[in-house]
C-alpha cells in the first residue's frame, strides 16, 4: 500500500500499531486485514481471519448487521465516504455478548478503492452486567448509550448522580458502576433513604457509640464504615433529612465523621453514588435540599432511560423477568408473540418494576402455562395511568389530555386505586408499590389520600371502627 503513490507503507504494520481491535473490510464485507487484538477478541487465528465476512466473525451471523435491523457502520461508510460511529453488541469466541463502540473510517487503497477501517472499543461484557442475581439487559440505542456513559464514569472516583423514574433500574446501574470501577473488589453498600425513619437515619449512616439515651442505640458501625474502601450507594438521596445533609457533606469533603454520641473523628475512603427520581435542582431552589451537597454529589450526572424509551428491549426483558418470577414456584410459563407485541406498546409509568408485576400477575392467572394478551390485564393499569394503549382500544379518552397529566397526578390516582382495592391497608399498598410505609404515609399526606379506602363500621360500643383492622397512622 502506498500513501499518495509516494510513501511505501505496509498495511499490517499500520493496523498492528493499534492497541485496540482493528480490522480492514472491503465493500463485500470481507476482512482483508486484522490485527492480533481483533483476532484475540473473537478467538480466530490471524491466519484464518482474512477472507471471512466481518459479520460472521463479530456477530456470528450470516447476514450483515443492517439486514438484522442494526445500524451498520459498513453501510454508512460505503454510502457516504464519511466516518461513522455506532454502539453494537458483538459476540466473542465463547458466545458471550459484549457491548462495544465501533468507529468506522474510510480508507483508500493505492488504486483509490474504498475500504472500511473499524476500531472496536469494548464497553462491557455480559457477565459484567450481572448485579445481585439479576442481569441488566438491553440492546436499544438509549440503553447502550447509558451503559457506555456509566462505564466511562466508573473509571474515575468522582461522585455519580443517577437520575431516573422509579423502577427504571437505578440501583442496578449503581452496582454496575461499582463493578466496573477500581473499587470492585471492595464493598458495595446500598441504603434506601426512604426506608429509614428520620430518628434512625443518623445512627444507620454514621454508626453509634455506646447507648446514647435511655433505651437507646447500642454501639455499632455505620454504613459509611461498612463501605470504607468501596462504594456507598444512597438511593433516593432527596429523602435524606436536612439536618443530616450537612454531616454527610463533611464526610464527602474530608472523609471524616463521628459516630452518634462519639467525640473522636473517624475516617473512611468511600466513593459515593446517589440516585433520585426527584429534581434536585428544583429542591435546592425550594430550600428542601442543600445546594452545597447537591453540587458535591452531582460530579457526574447520568440519566437512566425509562422503559418507554427503550421499547426494543421489552421482549427480552419480559422473557427474562418471566423466568425470574416463576422460578421460585417451579412454574413453566411461556409468553405468546401477541402478548410481547402488546407489552411493547405499553408505556410503563412504573418501568421495569411494573413490567415484572404485570408478568407475575399474568403467570398466576394462567391455567395452562401460556400467557396470552387477556391475562396481562393492561386495561387495569391503563385505567390507573391513563395510558395511551387504553385510548387506542376504547377511544374513550383523549390522548392530548394524557399528555398533560403530570407524574404526580398519575401516581396519586394509582395509590388511590390501590387503597380502594385493599380497603385502606397501607402495609399491603406499600408492599405492592415496593416502598416503605413511611414513604407511603408521606405520599398520602401529599396527595390528601389519608382516608381513602377506610370503610368504617360501628363497633359494639357504637363508635366508628375502621374496617379491615386498625390504622397505624
Protein backbone atom coordinates (compact mmCIF):
# COMPACT_ATOMS: atom_id res chain seq x y z
CA UNK A 1 0.00 0.00 0.00
CA UNK A 2 1.28 3.50 -0.85
CA UNK A 3 0.36 6.91 0.50
CA UNK A 4 -0.41 9.19 -2.49
CA UNK A 5 1.75 6.87 -4.56
CA UNK A 6 4.91 8.12 -2.84
CA UNK A 7 5.49 6.77 0.67
CA UNK A 8 5.51 2.97 0.86
CA UNK A 9 3.50 1.66 3.84
CA UNK A 10 2.97 -1.92 4.84
CA UNK A 11 -0.71 -2.26 5.83
CA UNK A 12 -0.30 -4.90 8.51
CA UNK A 13 2.30 -2.86 10.40
CA UNK A 14 -0.10 0.09 10.49
CA UNK A 15 -3.03 -1.81 11.96
CA UNK A 16 -0.77 -3.69 14.38
CA UNK A 17 0.13 -0.29 15.85
CA UNK A 18 -3.43 -0.07 17.23
CA UNK A 19 -3.77 -1.22 20.84
CA UNK A 20 -7.47 -1.91 20.38
CA UNK A 21 -9.03 -4.38 17.95
CA UNK A 22 -8.76 -3.09 14.38
CA UNK A 23 -9.87 -4.61 11.09
CA UNK A 24 -9.96 -3.58 7.42
CA UNK A 25 -13.01 -4.66 5.39
CA UNK A 26 -13.81 -4.38 1.68
CA UNK A 27 -17.12 -3.44 0.08
CA UNK A 28 -18.29 -7.08 0.14
CA UNK A 29 -17.93 -7.34 3.95
CA UNK A 30 -14.76 -9.41 3.52
CA UNK A 31 -11.93 -8.94 6.00
CA UNK A 32 -8.70 -8.08 4.18
CA UNK A 33 -6.54 -7.38 7.25
CA UNK A 34 -6.85 -7.59 11.04
CA UNK A 35 -4.51 -7.01 13.96
CA UNK A 36 -3.78 -9.51 16.71
CA UNK A 37 -6.08 -7.73 19.19
CA UNK A 38 -9.01 -8.31 16.81
CA UNK A 39 -8.10 -11.98 16.35
CA UNK A 40 -7.80 -12.43 20.12
CA UNK A 41 -11.12 -10.69 20.80
CA UNK A 42 -13.06 -13.07 18.57
CA UNK A 43 -10.99 -16.21 19.02
CA UNK A 44 -9.97 -16.57 15.38
CA UNK A 45 -6.42 -17.42 14.32
CA UNK A 46 -4.82 -14.49 12.44
CA UNK A 47 -4.04 -16.79 9.51
CA UNK A 48 -7.71 -17.78 9.21
CA UNK A 49 -9.43 -14.45 9.73
CA UNK A 50 -8.57 -12.84 6.37
CA UNK A 51 -11.17 -13.75 3.77
CA UNK A 52 -14.02 -14.20 6.27
CA UNK A 53 -17.07 -11.94 6.43
CA UNK A 54 -16.95 -9.41 9.24
CA UNK A 55 -20.50 -10.16 10.39
CA UNK A 56 -19.67 -13.86 10.65
CA UNK A 57 -16.77 -13.11 12.98
CA UNK A 58 -18.19 -10.40 15.25
CA UNK A 59 -21.94 -11.05 15.08
CA UNK A 60 -21.94 -14.81 14.48
CA UNK A 61 -24.46 -14.11 11.74
CA UNK A 62 -24.61 -15.00 8.06
CA UNK A 63 -26.28 -11.66 7.34
CA UNK A 64 -24.80 -8.15 7.51
CA UNK A 65 -25.98 -6.34 10.62
CA UNK A 66 -28.12 -3.81 8.72
CA UNK A 67 -30.22 -6.70 7.38
CA UNK A 68 -30.85 -7.67 11.01
CA UNK A 69 -32.19 -4.21 11.76
CA UNK A 70 -28.98 -2.80 13.25
CA UNK A 71 -27.20 0.44 12.48
CA UNK A 72 -24.33 -0.68 10.24
CA UNK A 73 -21.05 1.30 10.00
CA UNK A 74 -20.10 -0.61 6.84
CA UNK A 75 -23.23 0.51 5.03
CA UNK A 76 -22.86 4.12 6.17
CA UNK A 77 -19.17 4.49 5.31
CA UNK A 78 -19.54 2.95 1.85
CA UNK A 79 -22.62 5.07 1.11
CA UNK A 80 -21.26 8.39 2.37
CA UNK A 81 -17.49 8.04 2.39
CA UNK A 82 -17.53 9.64 5.86
CA UNK A 83 -16.52 8.29 9.30
CA UNK A 84 -19.33 6.75 11.34
CA UNK A 85 -19.69 5.53 14.95
CA UNK A 86 -22.18 3.06 16.40
CA UNK A 87 -22.85 1.09 19.57
CA UNK A 88 -23.18 -2.63 18.92
CA UNK A 89 -23.36 -5.98 20.64
CA UNK A 90 -20.64 -8.37 19.45
CA UNK A 91 -20.05 -12.00 20.44
CA UNK A 92 -16.70 -13.42 21.50
CA UNK A 93 -15.40 -16.96 20.94
CA UNK A 94 -17.39 -18.16 23.97
CA UNK A 95 -20.68 -16.84 22.56
CA UNK A 96 -20.66 -14.18 25.28
CA UNK A 97 -22.29 -10.88 24.32
CA UNK A 98 -20.22 -7.74 24.66
CA UNK A 99 -21.28 -4.12 24.32
CA UNK A 100 -18.81 -2.26 22.12
CA UNK A 101 -18.37 1.09 20.40
CA UNK A 102 -17.28 0.87 16.76
CA UNK A 103 -15.54 3.72 14.97
CA UNK A 104 -15.70 3.17 11.23
CA UNK A 105 -13.35 5.17 9.00
CA UNK A 106 -12.96 5.30 5.21
CA UNK A 107 -9.59 4.02 3.99
CA UNK A 108 -8.35 4.38 0.41
CA UNK A 109 -6.14 1.84 -1.31
CA UNK A 110 -3.32 2.73 -3.71
CA UNK A 111 -5.74 2.45 -6.63
CA UNK A 112 -8.34 4.65 -4.90
CA UNK A 113 -10.56 1.73 -3.89
CA UNK A 114 -12.59 2.37 -0.72
CA UNK A 115 -12.21 0.16 2.37
CA UNK A 116 -13.68 0.32 5.87
CA UNK A 117 -11.32 0.57 8.83
CA UNK A 118 -13.05 -0.49 12.07
CA UNK A 119 -11.76 0.26 15.55
CA UNK A 120 -13.55 -1.73 18.26
CA UNK A 121 -13.68 -0.32 21.81
CA UNK A 122 -15.09 -2.69 24.47
CA UNK A 123 -17.62 -1.28 26.94
CA UNK A 124 -18.97 -4.20 28.99
CA UNK A 125 -19.16 -7.98 28.72
CA UNK A 126 -22.32 -9.91 29.54
CA UNK A 127 -21.07 -11.21 32.91
CA UNK A 128 -20.28 -7.63 33.99
CA UNK A 129 -23.96 -6.75 33.56
CA UNK A 130 -24.99 -9.17 36.32
CA UNK A 131 -25.91 -7.48 39.59
CA UNK A 132 -27.39 -9.13 42.67
CA UNK A 133 -28.57 -12.24 40.80
CA UNK A 134 -30.13 -10.07 38.08
CA UNK A 135 -28.93 -9.10 34.63
CA UNK A 136 -29.00 -5.69 33.04
CA UNK A 137 -30.49 -6.43 29.63
CA UNK A 138 -30.88 -4.36 26.52
CA UNK A 139 -29.70 -3.53 23.03
CA UNK A 140 -31.65 -0.35 22.29
CA UNK A 141 -29.66 2.79 21.45
CA UNK A 142 -30.83 4.56 24.62
CA UNK A 143 -29.79 1.62 26.81
CA UNK A 144 -26.43 1.08 25.16
CA UNK A 145 -25.57 4.78 25.31
CA UNK A 146 -26.38 4.74 29.04
CA UNK A 147 -24.19 1.67 29.64
CA UNK A 148 -21.29 3.37 27.87
CA UNK A 149 -21.80 6.54 29.92
CA UNK A 150 -21.77 4.58 33.19
CA UNK A 151 -18.69 2.62 32.10
CA UNK A 152 -16.80 5.83 31.39
CA UNK A 153 -17.92 7.39 34.69
CA UNK A 154 -16.76 4.31 36.60
CA UNK A 155 -13.18 4.92 35.52
CA UNK A 156 -12.85 7.96 37.78
CA UNK A 157 -13.53 8.27 41.50
CA UNK A 158 -15.88 11.22 41.12
CA UNK A 159 -19.36 11.06 42.67
CA UNK A 160 -22.13 9.89 40.33
CA UNK A 161 -25.73 11.10 40.41
CA UNK A 162 -28.22 8.80 38.68
CA UNK A 163 -31.47 10.48 37.63
CA UNK A 164 -34.41 8.36 36.60
CA UNK A 165 -38.00 7.41 37.21
CA UNK A 166 -38.99 4.93 39.88
CA UNK A 167 -38.44 1.35 38.78
CA UNK A 168 -36.05 2.24 35.92
CA UNK A 169 -33.12 0.30 37.41
CA UNK A 170 -31.04 2.94 39.19
CA UNK A 171 -29.73 0.56 41.86
CA UNK A 172 -28.58 -1.97 39.27
CA UNK A 173 -26.88 0.86 37.37
CA UNK A 174 -25.09 1.92 40.56
CA UNK A 175 -23.87 -1.62 41.24
CA UNK A 176 -22.71 -1.94 37.64
CA UNK A 177 -20.70 1.30 38.02
CA UNK A 178 -19.11 -0.09 41.19
CA UNK A 179 -18.24 -3.39 39.49
CA UNK A 180 -16.58 -1.53 36.61
CA UNK A 181 -14.56 0.71 38.94
CA UNK A 182 -11.20 0.26 40.63
CA UNK A 183 -13.15 -0.39 43.88
CA UNK A 184 -14.87 -3.50 42.54
CA UNK A 185 -13.04 -5.78 44.97
CA UNK A 186 -14.37 -3.82 47.95
CA UNK A 187 -17.82 -3.45 49.49
CA UNK A 188 -20.87 -2.09 47.67
CA UNK A 189 -23.15 -0.76 50.43
CA UNK A 190 -26.65 0.31 49.47
CA UNK A 191 -29.04 2.35 51.59
CA UNK A 192 -32.64 3.14 50.67
CA UNK A 193 -33.13 6.61 52.12
CA UNK A 194 -36.92 6.19 52.06
CA UNK A 195 -36.85 3.08 54.23
CA UNK A 196 -35.21 4.51 57.35
CA UNK A 197 -37.01 6.74 59.83
CA UNK A 198 -35.53 10.16 60.42
CA UNK A 199 -34.69 9.26 64.01
CA UNK A 200 -32.69 6.22 62.95
CA UNK A 201 -31.01 7.76 59.91
CA UNK A 202 -28.04 9.27 61.72
CA UNK A 203 -27.29 6.06 63.60
CA UNK A 204 -27.55 3.90 60.48
CA UNK A 205 -25.34 6.14 58.38
CA UNK A 206 -22.64 7.24 60.83
CA UNK A 207 -22.81 4.48 63.42
CA UNK A 208 -23.29 4.79 67.13
CA UNK A 209 -21.12 4.65 70.23
CA UNK A 210 -22.41 3.10 73.43
CA UNK A 211 -26.06 3.68 74.29
CA UNK A 212 -26.62 7.41 73.97
CA UNK A 213 -30.00 7.61 75.62
CA UNK A 214 -32.18 5.54 77.90
CA UNK A 215 -33.34 2.57 75.88
CA UNK A 216 -31.24 3.99 73.04
CA UNK A 217 -28.94 2.56 70.44
CA UNK A 218 -26.23 0.03 71.10
CA UNK A 219 -22.74 0.71 69.81
CA UNK A 220 -22.23 -0.28 66.18
CA UNK A 221 -20.53 0.72 62.98
CA UNK A 222 -22.49 2.71 60.43
CA UNK A 223 -22.88 2.16 56.72
CA UNK A 224 -20.12 4.66 55.96
CA UNK A 225 -17.64 2.48 57.86
CA UNK A 226 -19.01 -0.62 56.15
CA UNK A 227 -18.29 0.99 52.77
CA UNK A 228 -14.71 2.01 53.60
CA UNK A 229 -12.58 1.39 50.53
CA UNK A 230 -15.64 0.71 48.40
CA UNK A 231 -18.82 2.40 47.24
CA UNK A 232 -21.73 3.84 49.23
CA UNK A 233 -24.96 3.99 47.23
CA UNK A 234 -27.60 6.42 48.50
CA UNK A 235 -30.85 5.52 46.77
CA UNK A 236 -33.44 8.33 46.72
CA UNK A 237 -30.91 10.73 48.20
CA UNK A 238 -33.52 13.50 48.16
CA UNK A 239 -35.11 11.84 51.22
CA UNK A 240 -32.11 12.47 53.48
CA UNK A 241 -33.24 14.78 56.32
CA UNK A 242 -31.84 18.30 56.07
CA UNK A 243 -30.15 18.09 59.46
CA UNK A 244 -28.18 15.03 58.28
CA UNK A 245 -27.16 16.56 54.94
CA UNK A 246 -24.53 18.85 56.46
CA UNK A 247 -22.85 15.91 58.22
CA UNK A 248 -22.87 13.88 55.02
CA UNK A 249 -21.29 16.81 53.18
CA UNK A 250 -18.41 16.84 55.68
CA UNK A 251 -17.74 13.15 55.03
CA UNK A 252 -17.68 13.69 51.28
CA UNK A 253 -15.36 16.67 51.52
CA UNK A 254 -12.93 15.48 54.18
CA UNK A 255 -13.54 11.76 54.65
CA UNK A 256 -14.06 12.45 58.35
CA UNK A 257 -17.10 11.75 60.51
CA UNK A 258 -18.16 10.94 64.04
CA UNK A 259 -20.43 8.23 65.29
CA UNK A 260 -23.61 9.24 67.04
CA UNK A 261 -22.61 10.05 70.61
CA UNK A 262 -18.92 9.88 69.75
CA UNK A 263 -16.19 12.50 70.24
CA UNK A 264 -13.46 11.08 68.04
CA UNK A 265 -13.07 11.78 64.34
CA UNK A 266 -13.05 8.65 62.21
CA UNK A 267 -12.09 8.44 58.54
CA UNK A 268 -13.49 6.49 55.60
CA UNK A 269 -12.41 6.28 52.00
CA UNK A 270 -15.64 5.94 50.02
CA UNK A 271 -16.90 6.63 46.56
CA UNK A 272 -20.49 7.89 46.65
CA UNK A 273 -23.14 7.12 44.05
CA UNK A 274 -26.55 8.72 44.56
CA UNK A 275 -29.88 8.22 42.81
CA UNK A 276 -33.16 10.09 42.76
CA UNK A 277 -36.36 10.41 40.78
CA UNK A 278 -36.80 13.98 42.01
CA UNK A 279 -35.49 17.21 40.51
CA UNK A 280 -32.74 18.09 42.97
CA UNK A 281 -32.09 21.48 41.33
CA UNK A 282 -35.68 22.46 42.00
CA UNK A 283 -35.42 21.17 45.56
CA UNK A 284 -32.33 23.36 46.05
CA UNK A 285 -34.31 26.37 44.82
CA UNK A 286 -37.10 25.48 47.25
CA UNK A 287 -34.59 25.08 50.11
CA UNK A 288 -35.59 21.45 50.66
CA UNK A 289 -32.15 20.15 49.65
CA UNK A 290 -28.77 21.71 50.38
CA UNK A 291 -27.16 23.34 47.36
CA UNK A 292 -23.62 22.61 48.52
CA UNK A 293 -24.44 18.92 48.92
CA UNK A 294 -26.10 18.81 45.51
CA UNK A 295 -23.03 20.19 43.75
CA UNK A 296 -20.85 17.77 45.69
CA UNK A 297 -22.79 14.64 44.70
CA UNK A 298 -23.57 15.69 41.12
CA UNK A 299 -19.98 15.32 39.90
CA UNK A 300 -21.16 13.15 37.01
CA UNK A 301 -24.91 13.18 36.26
CA UNK A 302 -26.34 10.30 34.26
CA UNK A 303 -29.95 9.89 33.14
CA UNK A 304 -31.34 6.34 33.33
CA UNK A 305 -33.80 5.99 30.41
CA UNK A 306 -37.37 4.95 31.23
CA UNK A 307 -38.62 1.73 29.70
CA UNK A 308 -40.84 3.53 27.17
CA UNK A 309 -37.66 4.99 25.60
CA UNK A 310 -36.16 1.54 25.06
CA UNK A 311 -39.07 -0.45 23.65
CA UNK A 312 -36.74 -2.71 21.64
CA UNK A 313 -35.61 -4.19 24.96
CA UNK A 314 -39.09 -5.09 26.25
CA UNK A 315 -39.42 -8.59 24.67
CA UNK A 316 -36.05 -9.74 26.04
CA UNK A 317 -36.76 -8.19 29.44
CA UNK A 318 -40.21 -9.80 29.53
CA UNK A 319 -38.84 -13.27 28.78
CA UNK A 320 -36.13 -12.92 31.44
CA UNK A 321 -38.41 -11.43 34.10
CA UNK A 322 -40.99 -14.14 33.47
CA UNK A 323 -38.39 -16.80 34.25
CA UNK A 324 -37.45 -14.90 37.40
CA UNK A 325 -40.99 -14.52 38.79
CA UNK A 326 -41.94 -18.15 38.09
CA UNK A 327 -38.68 -19.83 39.12
CA UNK A 328 -39.48 -19.87 42.84
CA UNK A 329 -42.84 -21.55 42.17
CA UNK A 330 -41.35 -24.07 39.73
CA UNK A 331 -43.85 -22.90 37.10
CA UNK A 332 -43.03 -23.25 33.42
CA UNK A 333 -44.59 -20.28 31.63
CA UNK A 334 -44.35 -19.18 28.04
CA UNK A 335 -45.48 -15.88 26.61
CA UNK A 336 -47.06 -15.58 23.17
CA UNK A 337 -45.79 -13.23 20.47
CA UNK A 338 -49.10 -11.36 20.60
CA UNK A 339 -48.51 -10.72 24.29
CA UNK A 340 -44.98 -9.46 23.61
CA UNK A 341 -46.39 -7.11 20.98
CA UNK A 342 -48.92 -5.74 23.46
CA UNK A 343 -46.26 -5.30 26.15
CA UNK A 344 -44.01 -3.48 23.68
CA UNK A 345 -46.69 -0.85 23.09
CA UNK A 346 -47.40 -0.07 26.73
CA UNK A 347 -45.79 2.99 28.34
CA UNK A 348 -44.88 1.65 31.82
CA UNK A 349 -45.12 4.56 34.26
CA UNK A 350 -43.68 2.10 36.79
CA UNK A 351 -40.94 0.98 34.36
CA UNK A 352 -39.21 -2.39 34.80
CA UNK A 353 -40.73 -2.94 38.23
CA UNK A 354 -44.21 -2.55 36.73
CA UNK A 355 -43.38 -4.95 33.88
CA UNK A 356 -42.33 -7.54 36.45
CA UNK A 357 -45.57 -7.07 38.43
CA UNK A 358 -47.66 -7.44 35.25
CA UNK A 359 -45.92 -10.68 34.35
CA UNK A 360 -46.14 -12.06 37.88
CA UNK A 361 -49.88 -11.50 37.97
CA UNK A 362 -50.34 -12.97 34.49
CA UNK A 363 -48.34 -16.09 35.42
CA UNK A 364 -50.54 -16.55 38.48
CA UNK A 365 -53.72 -16.28 36.41
CA UNK A 366 -52.55 -18.66 33.68
CA UNK A 367 -54.03 -22.15 33.95
CA UNK A 368 -52.04 -23.74 31.11
CA UNK A 369 -48.64 -22.09 31.43
CA UNK A 370 -49.23 -19.81 28.46
CA UNK A 371 -49.52 -16.04 28.86
CA UNK A 372 -51.93 -14.54 26.36
CA UNK A 373 -52.81 -10.82 25.99
CA UNK A 374 -56.01 -11.08 28.04
CA UNK A 375 -54.01 -12.29 31.07
CA UNK A 376 -51.82 -9.17 31.03
CA UNK A 377 -54.82 -7.10 32.17
CA UNK A 378 -53.26 -3.91 30.88
CA UNK A 379 -56.67 -2.24 30.84
CA UNK A 380 -56.47 -2.16 34.64
CA UNK A 381 -53.07 -0.48 34.51
CA UNK A 382 -54.18 1.77 31.69
CA UNK A 383 -57.17 2.94 33.73
CA UNK A 384 -54.83 3.81 36.57
CA UNK A 385 -52.24 5.63 34.49
CA UNK A 386 -54.44 6.91 31.65
CA UNK A 387 -52.16 5.02 29.25
CA UNK A 388 -52.49 5.70 25.50
CA UNK A 389 -52.81 1.94 24.90
CA UNK A 390 -56.25 2.09 26.51
CA UNK A 391 -57.15 5.05 24.30
CA UNK A 392 -56.36 3.04 21.19
CA UNK A 393 -58.55 0.18 22.42
CA UNK A 394 -61.60 2.09 23.62
CA UNK A 395 -61.28 5.61 22.17
CA UNK A 396 -62.81 6.69 25.48
CA UNK A 397 -60.00 9.05 26.40
CA UNK A 398 -58.22 11.90 24.71
CA UNK A 399 -54.52 11.47 24.05
CA UNK A 400 -53.97 15.20 24.44
CA UNK A 401 -55.38 15.02 27.96
CA UNK A 402 -53.00 12.17 28.77
CA UNK A 403 -50.01 14.16 27.63
CA UNK A 404 -50.95 16.96 30.01
CA UNK A 405 -51.15 14.70 33.04
CA UNK A 406 -48.25 15.07 35.45
CA UNK A 407 -46.48 12.10 37.02
CA UNK A 408 -47.77 13.29 40.40
CA UNK A 409 -51.37 13.08 39.16
CA UNK A 410 -50.78 9.61 37.76
CA UNK A 411 -49.12 8.44 40.97
CA UNK A 412 -51.94 9.88 43.07
CA UNK A 413 -54.57 8.02 41.02
CA UNK A 414 -52.61 4.78 41.23
CA UNK A 415 -52.30 5.00 45.02
CA UNK A 416 -55.99 5.93 45.36
CA UNK A 417 -56.97 2.88 43.30
CA UNK A 418 -54.82 0.53 45.39
CA UNK A 419 -56.15 1.94 48.66
CA UNK A 420 -59.70 1.38 47.48
CA UNK A 421 -58.90 -2.12 46.27
CA UNK A 422 -57.32 -3.16 49.59
CA UNK A 423 -59.67 -1.27 51.94
CA UNK A 424 -57.04 1.16 53.11
CA UNK A 425 -54.47 -1.46 54.18
CA UNK A 426 -51.37 0.64 53.88
CA UNK A 427 -48.86 -2.12 54.52
CA UNK A 428 -50.29 -4.06 51.57
CA UNK A 429 -50.25 -1.00 49.31
CA UNK A 430 -46.67 -0.17 50.32
CA UNK A 431 -45.64 -3.76 49.56
CA UNK A 432 -47.18 -3.60 46.07
CA UNK A 433 -45.54 -0.24 45.36
CA UNK A 434 -42.18 -1.54 46.66
CA UNK A 435 -41.81 1.42 49.04
CA UNK A 436 -41.69 1.77 52.82
CA UNK A 437 -44.83 2.56 54.81
CA UNK A 438 -43.10 5.79 55.88
CA UNK A 439 -42.78 6.85 52.26
CA UNK A 440 -46.37 5.84 51.55
CA UNK A 441 -47.60 7.87 54.53
CA UNK A 442 -45.73 10.92 53.21
CA UNK A 443 -47.34 10.46 49.80
CA UNK A 444 -50.80 10.08 51.36
CA UNK A 445 -50.36 13.43 53.10
CA UNK A 446 -49.01 14.98 49.92
CA UNK A 447 -51.99 13.86 47.84
CA UNK A 448 -54.63 14.15 50.59
CA UNK A 449 -55.42 10.42 50.50
CA UNK A 450 -55.27 9.62 54.22
CA UNK A 451 -58.91 8.48 54.41
CA UNK A 452 -59.24 6.72 51.06
CA UNK A 453 -60.35 3.10 51.32
CA UNK A 454 -61.27 3.24 55.00
CA UNK A 455 -64.71 1.71 55.33
CA UNK A 456 -65.80 2.41 58.88
CA UNK A 457 -68.21 0.14 60.74
CA UNK A 458 -69.82 0.73 64.09
CA UNK A 459 -68.24 -1.13 66.98
CA UNK A 460 -70.13 -2.74 69.79
CA UNK A 461 -69.92 0.49 71.74
CA UNK A 462 -71.36 2.47 68.86
CA UNK A 463 -68.03 4.05 67.97
CA UNK A 464 -66.74 4.16 64.41
CA UNK A 465 -64.08 1.49 63.70
CA UNK A 466 -62.04 1.28 60.52
CA UNK A 467 -62.82 -1.87 58.55
CA UNK A 468 -60.00 -4.30 57.87
CA UNK A 469 -58.03 -3.72 61.06
CA UNK A 470 -56.55 -0.78 62.97
CA UNK A 471 -54.99 2.19 61.23
CA UNK A 472 -51.35 2.53 62.31
CA UNK A 473 -51.16 6.21 61.45
